[in-house]
Protein backbone atom coordinates (compact mmCIF):
# COMPACT_ATOMS: atom_id res chain seq x y z
CA MET A 1 216.43 44.05 -118.40
CA GLN A 2 216.97 41.90 -121.87
CA ASN A 3 220.55 41.33 -122.68
CA LYS A 4 222.47 41.79 -125.96
CA GLY A 5 221.56 42.23 -129.51
CA ALA A 6 220.14 45.40 -130.33
CA ASP A 7 217.05 45.19 -132.76
CA MET A 8 217.53 48.21 -134.96
CA THR A 9 214.12 47.44 -136.33
CA GLN A 10 212.13 47.20 -133.00
CA LYS A 11 209.47 49.80 -133.53
CA THR A 12 206.88 49.00 -130.09
CA LYS A 13 206.97 50.94 -127.10
CA ALA A 14 208.86 48.54 -124.88
CA ASN A 15 210.63 51.06 -122.91
CA GLN A 16 207.97 53.60 -122.41
CA GLY A 17 208.23 54.79 -119.06
CA LYS A 18 212.02 54.05 -119.18
CA GLY A 19 215.36 56.60 -119.32
CA ALA A 20 218.34 56.10 -121.14
CA ILE A 21 221.35 58.12 -119.64
CA PHE A 22 224.28 58.24 -121.65
CA ASP A 23 228.21 59.73 -121.12
CA LEU A 24 229.72 61.21 -124.55
CA ASP A 25 233.27 61.00 -124.08
CA GLY A 26 234.48 57.01 -124.54
CA THR A 27 230.54 55.91 -124.70
CA LEU A 28 228.92 57.31 -127.24
CA LEU A 29 231.79 59.35 -128.95
CA ASP A 30 234.93 57.74 -129.84
CA SER A 31 236.83 60.80 -128.46
CA MET A 32 239.44 59.82 -125.68
CA GLY A 33 241.86 59.91 -127.73
CA VAL A 34 241.19 63.81 -128.42
CA TRP A 35 241.98 64.62 -124.92
CA ASP A 36 245.17 62.16 -124.64
CA GLN A 37 246.28 64.21 -127.60
CA VAL A 38 245.59 67.61 -125.93
CA ASP A 39 247.25 66.53 -122.77
CA VAL A 40 250.52 65.68 -124.80
CA ASP A 41 250.65 68.48 -126.58
CA PHE A 42 249.98 70.93 -123.65
CA LEU A 43 252.51 69.66 -121.64
CA ALA A 44 255.07 69.01 -124.15
CA LYS A 45 254.75 73.06 -125.06
CA ARG A 46 255.93 73.45 -121.37
CA GLY A 47 258.80 70.86 -121.54
CA ILE A 48 256.43 68.21 -119.56
CA GLU A 49 256.07 64.60 -120.44
CA VAL A 50 252.86 63.22 -119.44
CA PRO A 51 253.06 60.88 -116.23
CA ASP A 52 251.57 57.45 -116.59
CA ASP A 53 249.03 58.06 -113.76
CA TYR A 54 248.00 61.70 -115.13
CA MET A 55 245.10 60.77 -117.37
CA GLN A 56 243.48 58.17 -114.85
CA LYS A 57 243.67 60.80 -112.24
CA VAL A 58 241.68 63.34 -114.12
CA ALA A 59 239.23 61.22 -116.41
CA ALA A 60 236.70 61.74 -113.69
CA MET A 61 236.94 65.28 -112.85
CA GLN A 62 234.98 68.23 -114.30
CA PHE A 63 237.07 70.82 -116.40
CA ARG A 64 237.75 73.42 -113.91
CA GLN A 65 239.04 70.76 -111.33
CA ILE A 66 241.45 69.46 -113.87
CA ALA A 67 242.86 72.82 -114.54
CA GLU A 68 243.26 73.29 -110.71
CA TYR A 69 245.04 70.05 -110.30
CA THR A 70 247.36 70.33 -113.54
CA ILE A 71 248.63 73.40 -112.05
CA ALA A 72 249.10 72.37 -108.49
CA ARG A 73 250.69 68.74 -109.85
CA PHE A 74 253.09 70.56 -112.42
CA GLY A 75 253.79 73.81 -110.43
CA LEU A 76 252.45 76.16 -113.37
CA SER A 77 252.19 79.65 -113.48
CA ASP A 78 249.19 79.68 -115.62
CA THR A 79 245.56 80.61 -114.05
CA PRO A 80 242.85 77.71 -114.11
CA GLU A 81 240.81 80.08 -116.81
CA ALA A 82 244.18 80.48 -118.89
CA LEU A 83 244.35 76.68 -119.20
CA MET A 84 240.56 76.06 -119.86
CA GLU A 85 240.71 78.65 -122.72
CA GLU A 86 243.70 76.97 -124.07
CA TRP A 87 242.48 73.46 -123.82
CA ASP A 88 239.46 74.58 -125.40
CA HIS A 89 240.97 75.83 -128.49
CA MET A 90 243.11 72.70 -129.10
CA ALA A 91 239.95 70.74 -128.51
CA ARG A 92 237.24 72.25 -130.14
CA VAL A 93 238.24 71.87 -133.68
CA MET A 94 239.15 68.31 -133.26
CA TYR A 95 235.42 67.80 -131.52
CA ALA A 96 233.72 69.50 -134.45
CA THR A 97 235.50 67.63 -137.31
CA VAL A 98 237.56 64.43 -136.00
CA VAL A 99 235.38 62.93 -133.52
CA GLU A 100 233.40 59.97 -134.67
CA ALA A 101 230.35 58.21 -132.65
CA LYS A 102 231.27 54.83 -131.48
CA PRO A 103 229.95 51.81 -133.63
CA TYR A 104 226.23 51.56 -134.00
CA ALA A 105 225.62 54.55 -132.10
CA ARG A 106 223.22 56.35 -134.12
CA GLU A 107 221.25 53.02 -135.12
CA TYR A 108 220.91 52.37 -131.06
CA LEU A 109 219.71 56.04 -130.44
CA GLU A 110 217.26 55.54 -132.90
CA SER A 111 215.86 52.31 -131.97
CA LEU A 112 215.65 53.52 -128.20
CA LYS A 113 213.67 56.36 -129.43
CA ALA A 114 211.34 54.78 -131.46
CA SER A 115 210.84 51.93 -128.40
CA GLY A 116 209.27 54.91 -126.07
CA ALA A 117 212.39 55.55 -124.07
CA LYS A 118 213.47 59.14 -123.06
CA LEU A 119 216.95 59.89 -123.68
CA ALA A 120 219.52 62.00 -121.78
CA VAL A 121 223.13 62.77 -121.86
CA ALA A 122 225.31 63.32 -118.88
CA THR A 123 228.70 64.65 -119.50
CA SER A 124 231.66 66.62 -118.01
CA LEU A 125 232.01 68.20 -121.46
CA PRO A 126 231.02 72.09 -121.95
CA PRO A 127 228.65 73.28 -124.44
CA MET A 128 230.97 74.61 -126.66
CA LEU A 129 232.51 71.25 -127.11
CA ARG A 130 229.80 68.67 -126.97
CA GLU A 131 227.38 70.16 -128.78
CA PRO A 132 229.53 70.48 -132.32
CA ALA A 133 230.41 67.10 -131.53
CA MET A 134 226.85 65.59 -131.00
CA LYS A 135 225.99 67.45 -134.28
CA HIS A 136 229.08 66.42 -136.29
CA VAL A 137 228.27 62.70 -135.67
CA GLY A 138 224.19 63.29 -135.96
CA ILE A 139 222.85 62.34 -132.45
CA PHE A 140 222.35 65.72 -131.09
CA ASP A 141 218.31 65.64 -132.34
CA TYR A 142 217.93 62.08 -130.30
CA PHE A 143 217.94 63.52 -126.99
CA ASP A 144 215.10 65.20 -124.77
CA ASP A 145 218.01 66.61 -122.42
CA VAL A 146 221.65 67.31 -121.97
CA VAL A 147 223.01 67.56 -118.60
CA SER A 148 226.40 68.18 -117.05
CA VAL A 149 228.50 68.27 -114.18
CA ASP A 150 228.12 71.88 -114.36
CA ASP A 151 224.70 71.57 -114.11
CA ALA A 152 224.95 69.78 -111.06
CA GLY A 153 226.75 72.27 -108.71
CA ASP A 154 230.34 71.30 -110.08
CA VAL A 155 230.10 67.88 -108.74
CA GLY A 156 231.92 65.65 -110.73
CA LYS A 157 230.85 61.80 -111.42
CA THR A 158 232.56 60.47 -108.26
CA GLU A 159 228.99 61.42 -107.08
CA PRO A 160 225.41 60.65 -108.60
CA ASP A 161 224.43 64.14 -108.63
CA VAL A 162 224.78 64.52 -112.56
CA TYR A 163 222.68 61.18 -113.60
CA LEU A 164 220.17 61.96 -110.76
CA LEU A 165 220.05 65.56 -112.14
CA ALA A 166 219.28 63.76 -115.64
CA ALA A 167 216.66 61.67 -114.45
CA SER A 168 214.71 64.08 -113.00
CA ARG A 169 214.68 66.06 -115.91
CA LEU A 170 213.74 63.27 -117.66
CA GLY A 171 210.60 62.89 -115.47
CA ILE A 172 211.89 58.97 -114.85
CA LYS A 173 212.79 57.39 -111.49
CA PRO A 174 216.06 56.28 -111.01
CA SER A 175 215.36 52.59 -110.89
CA ASP A 176 213.79 52.93 -114.14
CA CYS A 177 216.87 54.82 -115.60
CA THR A 178 219.89 52.79 -117.35
CA VAL A 179 222.99 54.28 -117.25
CA PHE A 180 225.42 53.92 -120.25
CA GLU A 181 229.06 55.10 -119.25
CA ASP A 182 232.95 53.76 -119.72
CA LEU A 183 234.20 55.06 -116.45
CA LEU A 184 234.40 52.93 -113.36
CA VAL A 185 233.78 55.95 -111.04
CA GLY A 186 230.64 57.11 -112.79
CA MET A 187 229.39 53.49 -112.84
CA ARG A 188 229.66 53.04 -109.09
CA SER A 189 227.77 56.55 -108.32
CA ALA A 190 224.70 55.24 -110.75
CA LYS A 191 224.46 52.04 -109.19
CA SER A 192 224.53 53.86 -105.57
CA VAL A 193 221.09 55.47 -106.52
CA GLY A 194 219.86 52.27 -107.94
CA MET A 195 220.52 52.70 -111.65
CA HIS A 196 220.97 50.00 -113.94
CA VAL A 197 224.70 50.47 -115.80
CA TRP A 198 225.72 49.11 -118.88
CA ALA A 199 229.37 49.71 -119.74
CA MET A 200 231.18 50.75 -122.48
CA HIS A 201 234.78 49.12 -123.00
CA ASP A 202 237.22 52.10 -123.85
CA ASP A 203 240.72 51.32 -123.94
CA SER A 204 241.36 54.70 -121.63
CA SER A 205 239.68 52.33 -118.88
CA ASP A 206 241.40 49.04 -119.47
CA ALA A 207 243.26 49.06 -116.02
CA ASP A 208 239.35 49.21 -114.43
CA TRP A 209 237.87 46.64 -117.06
CA PRO A 210 237.95 43.45 -114.27
CA GLU A 211 235.90 45.42 -111.88
CA ILE A 212 233.86 47.29 -114.07
CA CYS A 213 232.58 44.09 -115.51
CA ASN A 214 231.61 42.83 -112.03
CA LEU A 215 229.93 45.96 -111.22
CA ALA A 216 227.90 46.18 -114.22
CA ASP A 217 224.81 44.82 -115.46
CA GLY A 218 226.31 44.41 -119.05
CA VAL A 219 229.13 45.20 -120.98
CA MET A 220 229.64 46.12 -124.48
CA PHE A 221 232.28 47.07 -127.18
CA ASP A 222 230.34 48.63 -129.47
CA PHE A 223 226.36 49.39 -129.54
CA HIS A 224 225.39 46.29 -131.16
CA ASP A 225 225.89 44.60 -127.98
CA ALA A 226 223.57 47.23 -125.93
CA PRO A 227 220.13 46.04 -124.64
CA VAL A 228 216.97 45.91 -126.74
CA ILE A 229 214.87 46.46 -123.37
CA LEU A 230 216.03 48.86 -120.59
């Protein structure tokens, strides 16, 4: 795998037969702050201050798991469905209008596509959030497939299921796939099935950054640092 400095003018087929699997929140999208604000506003309406460990605890969970965990932790009377509906309402407008792509993300996706790679998204975001956000930032049409943890039997990124499903849909074997992630648990899962991993720095993962640097095949602070050859 070639390091660093994505050449945005590359038009060869150097990545033919390779797959690139991207997380959305915190990796392609500069969106983690959306959920932080949703958490703050949601709990504030109930007179609760966000505990220091809450956001890290829920980071790798899928949507319903977060709702169930939140109800149990704070003793709320809401149903999981009611929480998810409220969170959806709060987040939908922000994802469709406020969220932006990480620097050089669009250029990198265009370069990978031109180089022959197949591209997929592996995300915890439901369609009602991910599709408006991807269209808003102009990356939706680059992808051959979009896979969520819901498609993988509601198994979160603590297990490799969503990455394996993405690889299967691309028709690429795991060892020929590179996963782009910002969450340590997701990186561990992808590595456990023989995938390459490139880590995107995001403020939400600062506490795990030293371990991320040891685990990942490469690290980046924006997509200008991403690999030209997968």
